[in-house]
Amino acid sequence: MSIDILPAGAWAVAVLLSAAVIVICLVRSRTSGRRTAVYAVSWPVIVLHLISLVSAMAPYLIVARLHRMIGAPFLEFYMRMGWWSAAVVIVLAVTQLVVMYRQAQLAMRAQLDAVGRHTAADDHVDDGGDGDAGDGDAGDGDAGDDTDDSDTHHAGDARDARDQ
């Protein structure tokens, strides 16, 4: 009797693992007013995704391997529902990939926005006479250099001109 329900139990475990991956990715990719950081897809979630794919194959392997030991009514049920259960597993696997991709995309955008905000904040910081060593330094050891130092623009000079 326990062999009869083993494929259904394995299928239920695969569905639960798939649902767990989907829920984890949806929760971690949400943004709210309090928390704008989106977490990248972690390695444990990726491993859980792979485990869910392997466990999704298990019920079909169990039925194929133990079909002589499974009772006739259960075997007939598994054969009748095989395509439908496979369709559910495939839809869940594709959904996992979509939400994992979406989470990774949102995490990348959040990281780029954070870097952009950090860079913009750095641009508005008052330099306050930091004494750039590269400003008009004629004795820098480039005797063979044919470039004119008056044409050279330094990032600090451009920022100072923009701020004034």
Protein backbone atom coordinates (compact mmCIF):
# COMPACT_ATOMS: atom_id res chain seq x y z
CA MET A 1 0.00 0.00 0.00
CA SER A 2 2.83 2.44 0.75
CA ILE A 3 4.39 1.72 -2.65
CA ASP A 4 1.06 2.68 -4.25
CA ILE A 5 1.14 6.24 -2.94
CA LEU A 6 4.90 6.77 -3.25
CA PRO A 7 4.73 8.44 -6.70
CA ALA A 8 1.92 10.78 -5.57
CA GLY A 9 3.90 11.69 -2.45
CA ALA A 10 7.04 12.36 -4.48
CA TRP A 11 5.03 14.53 -6.88
CA ALA A 12 3.56 16.48 -3.95
CA VAL A 13 7.06 17.08 -2.54
CA ALA A 14 8.22 18.33 -5.94
CA VAL A 15 5.27 20.72 -6.15
CA LEU A 16 5.94 22.01 -2.62
CA LEU A 17 9.63 22.58 -3.39
CA SER A 18 8.72 24.43 -6.57
CA ALA A 19 6.20 26.56 -4.71
CA ALA A 20 8.82 27.33 -2.06
CA VAL A 21 11.28 28.61 -4.67
CA ILE A 22 8.58 30.75 -6.26
CA VAL A 23 7.45 32.24 -2.94
CA ILE A 24 11.01 32.94 -1.79
CA CYS A 25 11.83 34.75 -5.03
CA LEU A 26 8.60 36.76 -4.95
CA VAL A 27 9.14 37.82 -1.34
CA ARG A 28 12.77 38.78 -1.90
CA SER A 29 12.03 40.75 -5.05
CA ARG A 30 9.37 42.94 -3.46
CA THR A 31 10.18 46.57 -2.84
CA SER A 32 8.39 48.75 -0.35
CA GLY A 33 8.68 52.30 0.89
CA ARG A 34 10.78 51.20 3.85
CA ARG A 35 13.04 48.78 2.05
CA THR A 36 14.19 49.47 -1.48
CA ALA A 37 16.96 46.87 -1.60
CA VAL A 38 16.20 43.76 -3.63
CA TYR A 39 18.28 40.75 -2.76
CA ALA A 40 20.01 38.80 -5.50
CA VAL A 41 19.07 35.18 -6.05
CA SER A 42 21.09 33.27 -3.48
CA TRP A 43 22.90 30.01 -4.04
CA PRO A 44 20.63 28.07 -1.65
CA VAL A 45 17.63 29.12 -3.76
CA ILE A 46 19.40 28.01 -6.92
CA VAL A 47 20.23 24.66 -5.30
CA LEU A 48 16.61 24.33 -4.13
CA HIS A 49 15.52 25.00 -7.70
CA LEU A 50 17.76 22.19 -8.97
CA ILE A 51 16.52 19.85 -6.22
CA SER A 52 12.94 20.65 -7.20
CA LEU A 53 13.72 19.76 -10.82
CA VAL A 54 15.27 16.46 -9.84
CA SER A 55 12.41 15.66 -7.45
CA ALA A 56 9.94 16.50 -10.23
CA MET A 57 11.35 13.60 -12.24
CA ALA A 58 11.19 11.17 -9.31
CA PRO A 59 7.48 10.21 -9.51
CA TYR A 60 7.78 9.20 -13.15
CA LEU A 61 10.92 7.18 -12.48
CA ILE A 62 9.23 5.48 -9.53
CA VAL A 63 6.23 4.49 -11.66
CA ALA A 64 8.47 3.27 -14.48
CA ARG A 65 10.68 1.26 -12.14
CA LEU A 66 8.05 -0.13 -9.74
CA HIS A 67 5.06 -0.52 -12.06
CA ARG A 68 4.80 -4.27 -11.22
CA MET A 69 4.57 -3.56 -7.49
CA ILE A 70 1.97 -0.77 -7.75
CA GLY A 71 -1.68 -1.81 -7.49
CA ALA A 72 -3.77 -1.80 -10.67
CA PRO A 73 -6.12 1.06 -9.64
CA PHE A 74 -3.20 3.28 -8.65
CA LEU A 75 -1.21 2.40 -11.75
CA GLU A 76 -4.20 3.21 -13.96
CA PHE A 77 -4.62 6.55 -12.11
CA TYR A 78 -0.93 7.41 -12.60
CA MET A 79 -1.08 6.56 -16.29
CA ARG A 80 -4.22 8.64 -16.78
CA MET A 81 -2.87 11.65 -14.85
CA GLY A 82 0.74 11.42 -16.05
CA TRP A 83 0.50 14.09 -18.75
CA TRP A 84 -1.45 16.46 -16.54
CA SER A 85 0.96 16.10 -13.66
CA ALA A 86 3.89 16.60 -16.02
CA ALA A 87 2.25 19.78 -17.37
CA VAL A 88 1.88 21.13 -13.83
CA VAL A 89 5.52 20.36 -13.04
CA ILE A 90 6.71 22.00 -16.27
CA VAL A 91 4.63 25.14 -15.63
CA LEU A 92 6.05 25.34 -12.10
CA ALA A 93 9.62 24.91 -13.37
CA VAL A 94 9.16 27.67 -15.96
CA THR A 95 7.56 29.90 -13.32
CA GLN A 96 10.59 29.32 -11.09
CA LEU A 97 12.90 30.44 -13.86
CA VAL A 98 10.79 33.53 -14.58
CA VAL A 99 10.64 34.70 -10.96
CA MET A 100 14.33 33.96 -10.41
CA TYR A 101 15.19 35.99 -13.53
CA ARG A 102 12.89 38.81 -12.43
CA GLN A 103 14.44 38.88 -8.97
CA ALA A 104 17.95 38.99 -10.44
CA GLN A 105 16.91 41.79 -12.81
CA LEU A 106 15.37 43.86 -9.99
CA ALA A 107 18.41 43.25 -7.78
CA MET A 108 20.70 44.46 -10.54
CA ARG A 109 18.62 47.60 -11.04
CA ALA A 110 18.53 48.27 -7.30
CA GLN A 111 22.29 47.89 -7.12
CA LEU A 112 22.79 50.24 -10.07
CA ASP A 113 20.44 52.78 -8.48
CA ALA A 114 22.33 52.54 -5.19
CA VAL A 115 25.65 53.09 -6.96
CA GLY A 116 24.14 56.00 -8.89
CA ARG A 117 22.84 57.61 -5.70
CA HIS A 118 26.22 57.09 -4.05
CA THR A 119 28.05 58.63 -7.02
CA ALA A 120 25.65 61.57 -7.18
CA ALA A 121 26.17 62.20 -3.47
CA ASP A 122 29.94 62.16 -4.02
CA ASP A 123 29.61 64.74 -6.82
CA HIS A 124 27.87 67.18 -4.50
CA VAL A 125 30.46 66.96 -1.75
CA ASP A 126 32.39 70.24 -1.33
CA ASP A 127 36.04 69.71 -2.27
CA GLY A 128 37.18 72.44 0.12
CA GLY A 129 40.75 72.83 -1.17
CA ASP A 130 41.83 69.24 -1.39
CA GLY A 131 45.01 70.29 -3.19
CA ASP A 132 44.94 68.22 -6.38
CA ALA A 133 48.53 67.29 -7.18
CA GLY A 134 47.82 67.14 -10.91
CA ASP A 135 46.77 70.80 -11.30
CA GLY A 136 49.37 72.54 -13.47
CA ASP A 137 52.30 70.40 -12.31
CA ALA A 138 54.91 71.13 -14.99
CA GLY A 139 57.72 69.15 -13.41
CA ASP A 140 56.13 65.74 -13.59
CA GLY A 141 59.03 64.06 -15.40
CA ASP A 142 57.47 63.93 -18.87
CA ALA A 143 60.30 65.66 -20.72
CA GLY A 144 59.60 63.88 -24.01
CA ASP A 145 55.85 64.55 -23.90
CA ASP A 146 54.70 66.74 -26.80
CA THR A 147 51.25 67.52 -25.37
CA ASP A 148 50.36 71.00 -24.21
CA ASP A 149 49.43 71.08 -20.51
CA SER A 150 47.00 73.95 -21.11
CA ASP A 151 44.71 71.63 -23.12
CA THR A 152 44.59 69.02 -20.39
CA HIS A 153 41.39 69.04 -18.32
CA HIS A 154 41.29 67.36 -14.96
CA ALA A 155 38.13 65.95 -13.48
CA GLY A 156 38.55 68.13 -10.38
CA ASP A 157 38.86 71.30 -12.50
CA ALA A 158 35.70 70.45 -14.46
CA ARG A 159 33.80 69.76 -11.24
CA ASP A 160 35.00 73.06 -9.71
CA ALA A 161 33.94 74.99 -12.81
CA ARG A 162 30.52 73.32 -12.79
CA ASP A 163 29.93 74.07 -9.10
CA GLN A 164 30.68 77.82 -9.52
